[in-house]
Amino acid sequence: MRDLKHRAYFEAQGETHVRVLAEQAGQMGKEARAWLGEQQAKREEDAAKLRDAREEETLRLARTANEIAARSVKIAWISAGIAAVAVVVTALIAIFS
């Protein structure tokens, strides 16, 4: 962040007024353009932070989904084993009946 003489004035007036000042030649216009550049950089930084937070949340949800899927696969294997045992037991009962 640059040391701008008119920073407090720019912040009090807001971007719309500072955009008009940025059109001027001289030190005021130069500082206004620098301040507007800083504001744009802050917006981009904030947007990047939000984007990173959304990506982290997406990754967290994906990890949770993978854990649930892994548990589901284990349950499916156990169910298949139980079904196989039931088939064998049913066959043995049919043979010895």
PDB file of N, CA and C in Angstrom:
ATOM      1  N   MET A   1       0.850  -1.163   0.000  1.00  0.00           N
ATOM      2  CA  MET A   1       0.000   0.000   0.000  1.00  0.00           C
ATOM      3  C   MET A   1       0.900   1.231   0.000  1.00  0.00           C
ATOM      4  N   ARG A   2       0.668   2.076  -0.928  1.00  0.00           N
ATOM      5  CA  ARG A   2       1.468   3.295  -1.049  1.00  0.00           C
ATOM      6  C   ARG A   2       1.077   4.317   0.012  1.00  0.00           C
ATOM      7  N   ASP A   3       2.003   5.215   0.277  1.00  0.00           N
ATOM      8  CA  ASP A   3       1.712   6.322   1.183  1.00  0.00           C
ATOM      9  C   ASP A   3       1.153   7.472   0.347  1.00  0.00           C
ATOM     10  N   LEU A   4      -0.147   7.618   0.349  1.00  0.00           N
ATOM     11  CA  LEU A   4      -0.799   8.662  -0.437  1.00  0.00           C
ATOM     12  C   LEU A   4      -1.254   9.791   0.479  1.00  0.00           C
ATOM     13  N   LYS A   5      -0.939  11.025   0.105  1.00  0.00           N
ATOM     14  CA  LYS A   5      -1.298  12.196   0.915  1.00  0.00           C
ATOM     15  C   LYS A   5      -2.811  12.338   1.050  1.00  0.00           C
ATOM     16  N   HIS A   6      -3.526  11.950   0.018  1.00  0.00           N
ATOM     17  CA  HIS A   6      -4.971  12.192  -0.026  1.00  0.00           C
ATOM     18  C   HIS A   6      -5.809  10.945   0.271  1.00  0.00           C
ATOM     19  N   ARG A   7      -5.191   9.917   0.841  1.00  0.00           N
ATOM     20  CA  ARG A   7      -5.890   8.649   1.079  1.00  0.00           C
ATOM     21  C   ARG A   7      -7.177   8.853   1.891  1.00  0.00           C
ATOM     22  N   ALA A   8      -7.084   9.577   2.997  1.00  0.00           N
ATOM     23  CA  ALA A   8      -8.266   9.786   3.852  1.00  0.00           C
ATOM     24  C   ALA A   8      -9.374  10.501   3.071  1.00  0.00           C
ATOM     25  N   TYR A   9      -8.982  11.461   2.261  1.00  0.00           N
ATOM     26  CA  TYR A   9      -9.966  12.184   1.448  1.00  0.00           C
ATOM     27  C   TYR A   9     -10.628  11.233   0.448  1.00  0.00           C
ATOM     28  N   PHE A  10      -9.818  10.415  -0.221  1.00  0.00           N
ATOM     29  CA  PHE A  10     -10.363   9.466  -1.202  1.00  0.00           C
ATOM     30  C   PHE A  10     -11.338   8.507  -0.534  1.00  0.00           C
ATOM     31  N   GLU A  11     -10.936   7.992   0.624  1.00  0.00           N
ATOM     32  CA  GLU A  11     -11.786   7.025   1.321  1.00  0.00           C
ATOM     33  C   GLU A  11     -13.086   7.671   1.788  1.00  0.00           C
ATOM     34  N   ALA A  12     -13.023   8.927   2.169  1.00  0.00           N
ATOM     35  CA  ALA A  12     -14.234   9.632   2.606  1.00  0.00           C
ATOM     36  C   ALA A  12     -15.167   9.917   1.431  1.00  0.00           C
ATOM     37  N   GLN A  13     -14.608  10.217   0.279  1.00  0.00           N
ATOM     38  CA  GLN A  13     -15.419  10.588  -0.887  1.00  0.00           C
ATOM     39  C   GLN A  13     -15.976   9.376  -1.630  1.00  0.00           C
ATOM     40  N   GLY A  14     -15.253   8.284  -1.640  1.00  0.00           N
ATOM     41  CA  GLY A  14     -15.716   7.092  -2.340  1.00  0.00           C
ATOM     42  C   GLY A  14     -15.211   7.038  -3.769  1.00  0.00           C
ATOM     43  N   GLU A  15     -15.370   5.871  -4.356  1.00  0.00           N
ATOM     44  CA  GLU A  15     -14.784   5.598  -5.672  1.00  0.00           C
ATOM     45  C   GLU A  15     -15.360   6.454  -6.795  1.00  0.00           C
ATOM     46  N   THR A  16     -16.634   6.741  -6.769  1.00  0.00           N
ATOM     47  CA  THR A  16     -17.234   7.517  -7.860  1.00  0.00           C
ATOM     48  C   THR A  16     -16.562   8.878  -7.985  1.00  0.00           C
ATOM     49  N   HIS A  17     -16.405   9.548  -6.870  1.00  0.00           N
ATOM     50  CA  HIS A  17     -15.761  10.867  -6.891  1.00  0.00           C
ATOM     51  C   HIS A  17     -14.276  10.738  -7.261  1.00  0.00           C
ATOM     52  N   VAL A  18     -13.622   9.716  -6.735  1.00  0.00           N
ATOM     53  CA  VAL A  18     -12.195   9.538  -7.002  1.00  0.00           C
ATOM     54  C   VAL A  18     -11.967   9.220  -8.479  1.00  0.00           C
ATOM     55  N   ARG A  19     -12.900   8.546  -9.121  1.00  0.00           N
ATOM     56  CA  ARG A  19     -12.762   8.281 -10.566  1.00  0.00           C
ATOM     57  C   ARG A  19     -12.735   9.589 -11.355  1.00  0.00           C
ATOM     58  N   VAL A  20     -13.520  10.560 -10.924  1.00  0.00           N
ATOM     59  CA  VAL A  20     -13.506  11.877 -11.576  1.00  0.00           C
ATOM     60  C   VAL A  20     -12.150  12.540 -11.351  1.00  0.00           C
ATOM     61  N   LEU A  21     -11.655  12.453 -10.133  1.00  0.00           N
ATOM     62  CA  LEU A  21     -10.341  13.032  -9.822  1.00  0.00           C
ATOM     63  C   LEU A  21      -9.220  12.352 -10.599  1.00  0.00           C
ATOM     64  N   ALA A  22      -9.385  11.073 -10.849  1.00  0.00           N
ATOM     65  CA  ALA A  22      -8.349  10.316 -11.561  1.00  0.00           C
ATOM     66  C   ALA A  22      -8.178  10.799 -12.993  1.00  0.00           C
ATOM     67  N   GLU A  23      -9.179  11.458 -13.528  1.00  0.00           N
ATOM     68  CA  GLU A  23      -9.097  11.990 -14.891  1.00  0.00           C
ATOM     69  C   GLU A  23      -8.231  13.246 -14.963  1.00  0.00           C
ATOM     70  N   GLN A  24      -7.970  13.845 -13.824  1.00  0.00           N
ATOM     71  CA  GLN A  24      -7.183  15.074 -13.796  1.00  0.00           C
ATOM     72  C   GLN A  24      -5.698  14.776 -13.953  1.00  0.00           C
ATOM     73  N   ALA A  25      -4.992  15.749 -14.465  1.00  0.00           N
ATOM     74  CA  ALA A  25      -3.539  15.654 -14.533  1.00  0.00           C
ATOM     75  C   ALA A  25      -2.977  16.091 -13.178  1.00  0.00           C
ATOM     76  N   GLY A  26      -1.732  15.874 -12.969  1.00  0.00           N
ATOM     77  CA  GLY A  26      -1.092  16.342 -11.748  1.00  0.00           C
ATOM     78  C   GLY A  26      -1.079  15.298 -10.656  1.00  0.00           C
ATOM     79  N   GLN A  27      -0.610  15.736  -9.499  1.00  0.00           N
ATOM     80  CA  GLN A  27      -0.417  14.835  -8.362  1.00  0.00           C
ATOM     81  C   GLN A  27      -1.729  14.226  -7.871  1.00  0.00           C
ATOM     82  N   MET A  28      -2.784  15.046  -7.796  1.00  0.00           N
ATOM     83  CA  MET A  28      -4.076  14.542  -7.321  1.00  0.00           C
ATOM     84  C   MET A  28      -4.579  13.419  -8.220  1.00  0.00           C
ATOM     85  N   GLY A  29      -4.507  13.623  -9.533  1.00  0.00           N
ATOM     86  CA  GLY A  29      -4.955  12.593 -10.467  1.00  0.00           C
ATOM     87  C   GLY A  29      -4.112  11.336 -10.366  1.00  0.00           C
ATOM     88  N   LYS A  30      -2.819  11.519 -10.205  1.00  0.00           N
ATOM     89  CA  LYS A  30      -1.899  10.379 -10.087  1.00  0.00           C
ATOM     90  C   LYS A  30      -2.209   9.574  -8.830  1.00  0.00           C
ATOM     91  N   GLU A  31      -2.399  10.262  -7.710  1.00  0.00           N
ATOM     92  CA  GLU A  31      -2.729   9.565  -6.466  1.00  0.00           C
ATOM     93  C   GLU A  31      -4.107   8.908  -6.544  1.00  0.00           C
ATOM     94  N   ALA A  32      -5.039   9.572  -7.205  1.00  0.00           N
ATOM     95  CA  ALA A  32      -6.381   8.991  -7.356  1.00  0.00           C
ATOM     96  C   ALA A  32      -6.305   7.698  -8.147  1.00  0.00           C
ATOM     97  N   ARG A  33      -5.518   7.699  -9.227  1.00  0.00           N
ATOM     98  CA  ARG A  33      -5.370   6.473 -10.023  1.00  0.00           C
ATOM     99  C   ARG A  33      -4.701   5.362  -9.200  1.00  0.00           C
ATOM    100  N   ALA A  34      -3.697   5.731  -8.403  1.00  0.00           N
ATOM    101  CA  ALA A  34      -3.029   4.750  -7.554  1.00  0.00           C
ATOM    102  C   ALA A  34      -4.004   4.173  -6.531  1.00  0.00           C
ATOM    103  N   TRP A  35      -4.814   5.050  -5.924  1.00  0.00           N
ATOM    104  CA  TRP A  35      -5.784   4.595  -4.933  1.00  0.00           C
ATOM    105  C   TRP A  35      -6.819   3.665  -5.565  1.00  0.00           C
ATOM    106  N   LEU A  36      -7.294   4.024  -6.759  1.00  0.00           N
ATOM    107  CA  LEU A  36      -8.257   3.162  -7.462  1.00  0.00           C
ATOM    108  C   LEU A  36      -7.635   1.812  -7.780  1.00  0.00           C
ATOM    109  N   GLY A  37      -6.371   1.808  -8.145  1.00  0.00           N
ATOM    110  CA  GLY A  37      -5.679   0.545  -8.387  1.00  0.00           C
ATOM    111  C   GLY A  37      -5.614  -0.316  -7.133  1.00  0.00           C
ATOM    112  N   GLU A  38      -5.358   0.325  -5.997  1.00  0.00           N
ATOM    113  CA  GLU A  38      -5.340  -0.409  -4.725  1.00  0.00           C
ATOM    114  C   GLU A  38      -6.717  -1.003  -4.418  1.00  0.00           C
ATOM    115  N   GLN A  39      -7.761  -0.229  -4.678  1.00  0.00           N
ATOM    116  CA  GLN A  39      -9.124  -0.711  -4.417  1.00  0.00           C
ATOM    117  C   GLN A  39      -9.435  -1.932  -5.286  1.00  0.00           C
ATOM    118  N   GLN A  40      -9.020  -1.863  -6.549  1.00  0.00           N
ATOM    119  CA  GLN A  40      -9.238  -2.997  -7.454  1.00  0.00           C
ATOM    120  C   GLN A  40      -8.459  -4.221  -6.968  1.00  0.00           C
ATOM    121  N   ALA A  41      -7.229  -4.004  -6.541  1.00  0.00           N
ATOM    122  CA  ALA A  41      -6.406  -5.119  -6.039  1.00  0.00           C
ATOM    123  C   ALA A  41      -7.050  -5.738  -4.794  1.00  0.00           C
ATOM    124  N   LYS A  42      -7.617  -4.902  -3.900  1.00  0.00           N
ATOM    125  CA  LYS A  42      -8.299  -5.420  -2.709  1.00  0.00           C
ATOM    126  C   LYS A  42      -9.508  -6.263  -3.101  1.00  0.00           C
ATOM    127  N   ARG A  43     -10.285  -5.776  -4.095  1.00  0.00           N
ATOM    128  CA  ARG A  43     -11.454  -6.546  -4.546  1.00  0.00           C
ATOM    129  C   ARG A  43     -11.030  -7.887  -5.113  1.00  0.00           C
ATOM    130  N   GLU A  44      -9.957  -7.894  -5.902  1.00  0.00           N
ATOM    131  CA  GLU A  44      -9.477  -9.140  -6.494  1.00  0.00           C
ATOM    132  C   GLU A  44      -8.967 -10.093  -5.421  1.00  0.00           C
ATOM    133  N   GLU A  45      -8.287  -9.543  -4.414  1.00  0.00           N
ATOM    134  CA  GLU A  45      -7.793 -10.373  -3.312  1.00  0.00           C
ATOM    135  C   GLU A  45      -8.948 -10.982  -2.525  1.00  0.00           C
ATOM    136  N   ASP A  46      -9.963 -10.171  -2.252  1.00  0.00           N
ATOM    137  CA  ASP A  46     -11.142 -10.674  -1.542  1.00  0.00           C
ATOM    138  C   ASP A  46     -11.855 -11.753  -2.351  1.00  0.00           C
ATOM    139  N   ALA A  47     -11.966 -11.532  -3.660  1.00  0.00           N
ATOM    140  CA  ALA A  47     -12.612 -12.528  -4.524  1.00  0.00           C
ATOM    141  C   ALA A  47     -11.817 -13.827  -4.530  1.00  0.00           C
ATOM    142  N   ALA A  48     -10.495 -13.719  -4.538  1.00  0.00           N
ATOM    143  CA  ALA A  48      -9.649 -14.915  -4.515  1.00  0.00           C
ATOM    144  C   ALA A  48      -9.826 -15.673  -3.203  1.00  0.00           C
ATOM    145  N   LYS A  49      -9.936 -14.941  -2.087  1.00  0.00           N
ATOM    146  CA  LYS A  49     -10.146 -15.596  -0.797  1.00  0.00           C
ATOM    147  C   LYS A  49     -11.481 -16.331  -0.778  1.00  0.00           C
ATOM    148  N   LEU A  50     -12.528 -15.703  -1.313  1.00  0.00           N
ATOM    149  CA  LEU A  50     -13.836 -16.364  -1.369  1.00  0.00           C
ATOM    150  C   LEU A  50     -13.792 -17.605  -2.248  1.00  0.00           C
ATOM    151  N   ARG A  51     -13.107 -17.483  -3.393  1.00  0.00           N
ATOM    152  CA  ARG A  51     -12.977 -18.612  -4.308  1.00  0.00           C
ATOM    153  C   ARG A  51     -12.220 -19.760  -3.627  1.00  0.00           C
ATOM    154  N   ASP A  52     -11.151 -19.435  -2.911  1.00  0.00           N
ATOM    155  CA  ASP A  52     -10.385 -20.460  -2.199  1.00  0.00           C
ATOM    156  C   ASP A  52     -11.232 -21.130  -1.126  1.00  0.00           C
ATOM    157  N   ALA A  53     -12.034 -20.340  -0.431  1.00  0.00           N
ATOM    158  CA  ALA A  53     -12.907 -20.906   0.611  1.00  0.00           C
ATOM    159  C   ALA A  53     -13.931 -21.854  -0.004  1.00  0.00           C
ATOM    160  N   ARG A  54     -14.498 -21.462  -1.157  1.00  0.00           N
ATOM    161  CA  ARG A  54     -15.459 -22.343  -1.837  1.00  0.00           C
ATOM    162  C   ARG A  54     -14.782 -23.631  -2.286  1.00  0.00           C
ATOM    163  N   GLU A  55     -13.558 -23.522  -2.796  1.00  0.00           N
ATOM    164  CA  GLU A  55     -12.834 -24.709  -3.240  1.00  0.00           C
ATOM    165  C   GLU A  55     -12.534 -25.631  -2.063  1.00  0.00           C
ATOM    166  N   GLU A  56     -12.157 -25.061  -0.924  1.00  0.00           N
ATOM    167  CA  GLU A  56     -11.906 -25.868   0.274  1.00  0.00           C
ATOM    168  C   GLU A  56     -13.175 -26.592   0.713  1.00  0.00           C
ATOM    169  N   GLU A  57     -14.299 -25.889   0.670  1.00  0.00           N
ATOM    170  CA  GLU A  57     -15.573 -26.515   1.044  1.00  0.00           C
ATOM    171  C   GLU A  57     -15.918 -27.646   0.070  1.00  0.00           C
ATOM    172  N   THR A  58     -15.678 -27.430  -1.209  1.00  0.00           N
ATOM    173  CA  THR A  58     -15.928 -28.468  -2.214  1.00  0.00           C
ATOM    174  C   THR A  58     -15.061 -29.696  -1.937  1.00  0.00           C
ATOM    175  N   LEU A  59     -13.797 -29.476  -1.621  1.00  0.00           N
ATOM    176  CA  LEU A  59     -12.902 -30.592  -1.307  1.00  0.00           C
ATOM    177  C   LEU A  59     -13.352 -31.328  -0.048  1.00  0.00           C
ATOM    178  N   ARG A  60     -13.793 -30.580   0.953  1.00  0.00           N
ATOM    179  CA  ARG A  60     -14.276 -31.209   2.184  1.00  0.00           C
ATOM    180  C   ARG A  60     -15.488 -32.093   1.898  1.00  0.00           C
ATOM    181  N   LEU A  61     -16.403 -31.574   1.085  1.00  0.00           N
ATOM    182  CA  LEU A  61     -17.584 -32.364   0.728  1.00  0.00           C
ATOM    183  C   LEU A  61     -17.202 -33.596  -0.085  1.00  0.00           C
ATOM    184  N   ALA A  62     -16.239 -33.453  -0.975  1.00  0.00           N
ATOM    185  CA  ALA A  62     -15.794 -34.598  -1.782  1.00  0.00           C
ATOM    186  C   ALA A  62     -15.164 -35.672  -0.891  1.00  0.00           C
ATOM    187  N   ARG A  63     -14.365 -35.240   0.080  1.00  0.00           N
ATOM    188  CA  ARG A  63     -13.757 -36.219   1.005  1.00  0.00           C
ATOM    189  C   ARG A  63     -14.833 -36.955   1.796  1.00  0.00           C
ATOM    190  N   THR A  64     -15.834 -36.217   2.265  1.00  0.00           N
ATOM    191  CA  THR A  64     -16.933 -36.840   3.004  1.00  0.00           C
ATOM    192  C   THR A  64     -17.678 -37.834   2.123  1.00  0.00           C
ATOM    193  N   ALA A  65     -17.920 -37.455   0.874  1.00  0.00           N
ATOM    194  CA  ALA A  65     -18.608 -38.356  -0.061  1.00  0.00           C
ATOM    195  C   ALA A  65     -17.780 -39.614  -0.296  1.00  0.00           C
ATOM    196  N   ASN A  66     -16.473 -39.472  -0.414  1.00  0.00           N
ATOM    197  CA  ASN A  66     -15.607 -40.640  -0.611  1.00  0.00           C
ATOM    198  C   ASN A  66     -15.631 -41.562   0.604  1.00  0.00           C
ATOM    199  N   GLU A  67     -15.655 -40.988   1.803  1.00  0.00           N
ATOM    200  CA  GLU A  67     -15.744 -41.813   3.009  1.00  0.00           C
ATOM    201  C   GLU A  67     -17.065 -42.588   3.043  1.00  0.00           C
ATOM    202  N   ILE A  68     -18.146 -41.928   2.695  1.00  0.00           N
ATOM    203  CA  ILE A  68     -19.449 -42.593   2.663  1.00  0.00           C
ATOM    204  C   ILE A  68     -19.451 -43.707   1.618  1.00  0.00           C
ATOM    205  N   ALA A  69     -18.876 -43.431   0.459  1.00  0.00           N
ATOM    206  CA  ALA A  69     -18.813 -44.447  -0.600  1.00  0.00           C
ATOM    207  C   ALA A  69     -17.979 -45.650  -0.160  1.00  0.00           C
ATOM    208  N   ALA A  70     -16.879 -45.398   0.520  1.00  0.00           N
ATOM    209  CA  ALA A  70     -16.031 -46.502   0.992  1.00  0.00           C
ATOM    210  C   ALA A  70     -16.800 -47.373   1.988  1.00  0.00           C
ATOM    211  N   ARG A  71     -17.543 -46.728   2.899  1.00  0.00           N
ATOM    212  CA  ARG A  71     -18.363 -47.505   3.847  1.00  0.00           C
ATOM    213  C   ARG A  71     -19.435 -48.305   3.110  1.00  0.00           C
ATOM    214  N   SER A  72     -20.005 -47.715   2.080  1.00  0.00           N
ATOM    215  CA  SER A  72     -21.042 -48.405   1.309  1.00  0.00           C
ATOM    216  C   SER A  72     -20.475 -49.636   0.608  1.00  0.00           C
ATOM    217  N   VAL A  73     -19.272 -49.535   0.106  1.00  0.00           N
ATOM    218  CA  VAL A  73     -18.629 -50.686  -0.548  1.00  0.00           C
ATOM    219  C   VAL A  73     -18.405 -51.800   0.462  1.00  0.00           C
ATOM    220  N   LYS A  74     -17.940 -51.454   1.657  1.00  0.00           N
ATOM    221  CA  LYS A  74     -17.733 -52.468   2.700  1.00  0.00           C
ATOM    222  C   LYS A  74     -19.044 -53.169   3.033  1.00  0.00           C
ATOM    223  N   ILE A  75     -20.100 -52.387   3.182  1.00  0.00           N
ATOM    224  CA  ILE A  75     -21.419 -52.965   3.498  1.00  0.00           C
ATOM    225  C   ILE A  75     -21.878 -53.879   2.362  1.00  0.00           C
ATOM    226  N   ALA A  76     -21.637 -53.474   1.123  1.00  0.00           N
ATOM    227  CA  ALA A  76     -22.023 -54.303  -0.024  1.00  0.00           C
ATOM    228  C   ALA A  76     -21.273 -55.644  -0.012  1.00  0.00           C
ATOM    229  N   TRP A  77     -19.970 -55.605   0.313  1.00  0.00           N
ATOM    230  CA  TRP A  77     -19.197 -56.859   0.379  1.00  0.00           C
ATOM    231  C   TRP A  77     -19.724 -57.758   1.498  1.00  0.00           C
ATOM    232  N   ILE A  78     -20.038 -57.191   2.634  1.00  0.00           N
ATOM    233  CA  ILE A  78     -20.590 -57.970   3.743  1.00  0.00           C
ATOM    234  C   ILE A  78     -21.930 -58.572   3.334  1.00  0.00           C
ATOM    235  N   SER A  79     -22.768 -57.779   2.661  1.00  0.00           N
ATOM    236  CA  SER A  79     -24.071 -58.273   2.200  1.00  0.00           C
ATOM    237  C   SER A  79     -23.894 -59.409   1.198  1.00  0.00           C
ATOM    238  N   ALA A  80     -22.942 -59.276   0.303  1.00  0.00           N
ATOM    239  CA  ALA A  80     -22.689 -60.341  -0.673  1.00  0.00           C
ATOM    240  C   ALA A  80     -22.226 -61.612   0.042  1.00  0.00           C
ATOM    241  N   GLY A  81     -21.398 -61.460   1.060  1.00  0.00           N
ATOM    242  CA  GLY A  81     -20.948 -62.627   1.835  1.00  0.00           C
ATOM    243  C   GLY A  81     -22.098 -63.309   2.540  1.00  0.00           C
ATOM    244  N   ILE A  82     -22.954 -62.525   3.148  1.00  0.00           N
ATOM    245  CA  ILE A  82     -24.127 -63.088   3.833  1.00  0.00           C
ATOM    246  C   ILE A  82     -25.024 -63.794   2.831  1.00  0.00           C
ATOM    247  N   ALA A  83     -25.226 -63.202   1.661  1.00  0.00           N
ATOM    248  CA  ALA A  83     -26.063 -63.836   0.632  1.00  0.00           C
ATOM    249  C   ALA A  83     -25.445 -65.152   0.175  1.00  0.00           C
ATOM    250  N   ALA A  84     -24.135 -65.195   0.030  1.00  0.00           N
ATOM    251  CA  ALA A  84     -23.464 -66.436  -0.386  1.00  0.00           C
ATOM    252  C   ALA A  84     -23.652 -67.516   0.678  1.00  0.00           C
ATOM    253  N   VAL A  85     -23.510 -67.153   1.937  1.00  0.00           N
ATOM    254  CA  VAL A  85     -23.706 -68.118   3.023  1.00  0.00           C
ATOM    255  C   VAL A  85     -25.159 -68.603   3.004  1.00  0.00           C
ATOM    256  N   ALA A  86     -26.100 -67.725   2.746  1.00  0.00           N
ATOM    257  CA  ALA A  86     -27.512 -68.114   2.698  1.00  0.00           C
ATOM    258  C   ALA A  86     -27.763 -69.088   1.567  1.00  0.00           C
ATOM    259  N   VAL A  87     -27.119 -68.888   0.427  1.00  0.00           N
ATOM    260  CA  VAL A  87     -27.284 -69.809  -0.700  1.00  0.00           C
ATOM    261  C   VAL A  87     -26.736 -71.193  -0.330  1.00  0.00           C
ATOM    262  N   VAL A  88     -25.575 -71.211   0.288  1.00  0.00           N
ATOM    263  CA  VAL A  88     -24.976 -72.496   0.682  1.00  0.00           C
ATOM    264  C   VAL A  88     -25.849 -73.194   1.701  1.00  0.00           C
ATOM    265  N   VAL A  89     -26.327 -72.484   2.699  1.00  0.00           N
ATOM    266  CA  VAL A  89     -27.187 -73.079   3.724  1.00  0.00           C
ATOM    267  C   VAL A  89     -28.477 -73.602   3.095  1.00  0.00           C
ATOM    268  N   THR A  90     -29.060 -72.822   2.187  1.00  0.00           N
ATOM    269  CA  THR A  90     -30.288 -73.247   1.508  1.00  0.00           C
ATOM    270  C   THR A  90     -30.040 -74.502   0.688  1.00  0.00           C
ATOM    271  N   ALA A  91     -28.913 -74.550   0.003  1.00  0.00           N
ATOM    272  CA  ALA A  91     -28.576 -75.739  -0.799  1.00  0.00           C
ATOM    273  C   ALA A  91     -28.388 -76.949   0.103  1.00  0.00           C
ATOM    274  N   LEU A  92     -27.702 -76.774   1.218  1.00  0.00           N
ATOM    275  CA  LEU A  92     -27.489 -77.912   2.150  1.00  0.00           C
ATOM    276  C   LEU A  92     -28.808 -78.393   2.731  1.00  0.00           C
ATOM    277  N   ILE A  93     -29.680 -77.475   3.055  1.00  0.00           N
ATOM    278  CA  ILE A  93     -30.992 -77.867   3.593  1.00  0.00           C
ATOM    279  C   ILE A  93     -31.768 -78.642   2.527  1.00  0.00           C
ATOM    280  N   ALA A  94     -31.697 -78.191   1.287  1.00  0.00           N
ATOM    281  CA  ALA A  94     -32.405 -78.881   0.206  1.00  0.00           C
ATOM    282  C   ALA A  94     -31.821 -80.266  -0.023  1.00  0.00           C
ATOM    283  N   ILE A  95     -30.508 -80.401   0.086  1.00  0.00           N
ATOM    284  CA  ILE A  95     -29.869 -81.710  -0.132  1.00  0.00           C
ATOM    285  C   ILE A  95     -30.216 -82.684   0.971  1.00  0.00           C
ATOM    286  N   PHE A  96     -30.214 -82.231   2.215  1.00  0.00           N
ATOM    287  CA  PHE A  96     -30.425 -83.148   3.358  1.00  0.00           C
ATOM    288  C   PHE A  96     -31.889 -83.260   3.776  1.00  0.00           C
ATOM    289  N   SER A  97     -32.781 -82.638   3.032  1.00  0.00           N
ATOM    290  CA  SER A  97     -34.193 -82.765   3.387  1.00  0.00           C
ATOM    291  C   SER A  97     -34.851 -83.859   2.632  1.00  0.00           C
TER     292      SER A  97
END
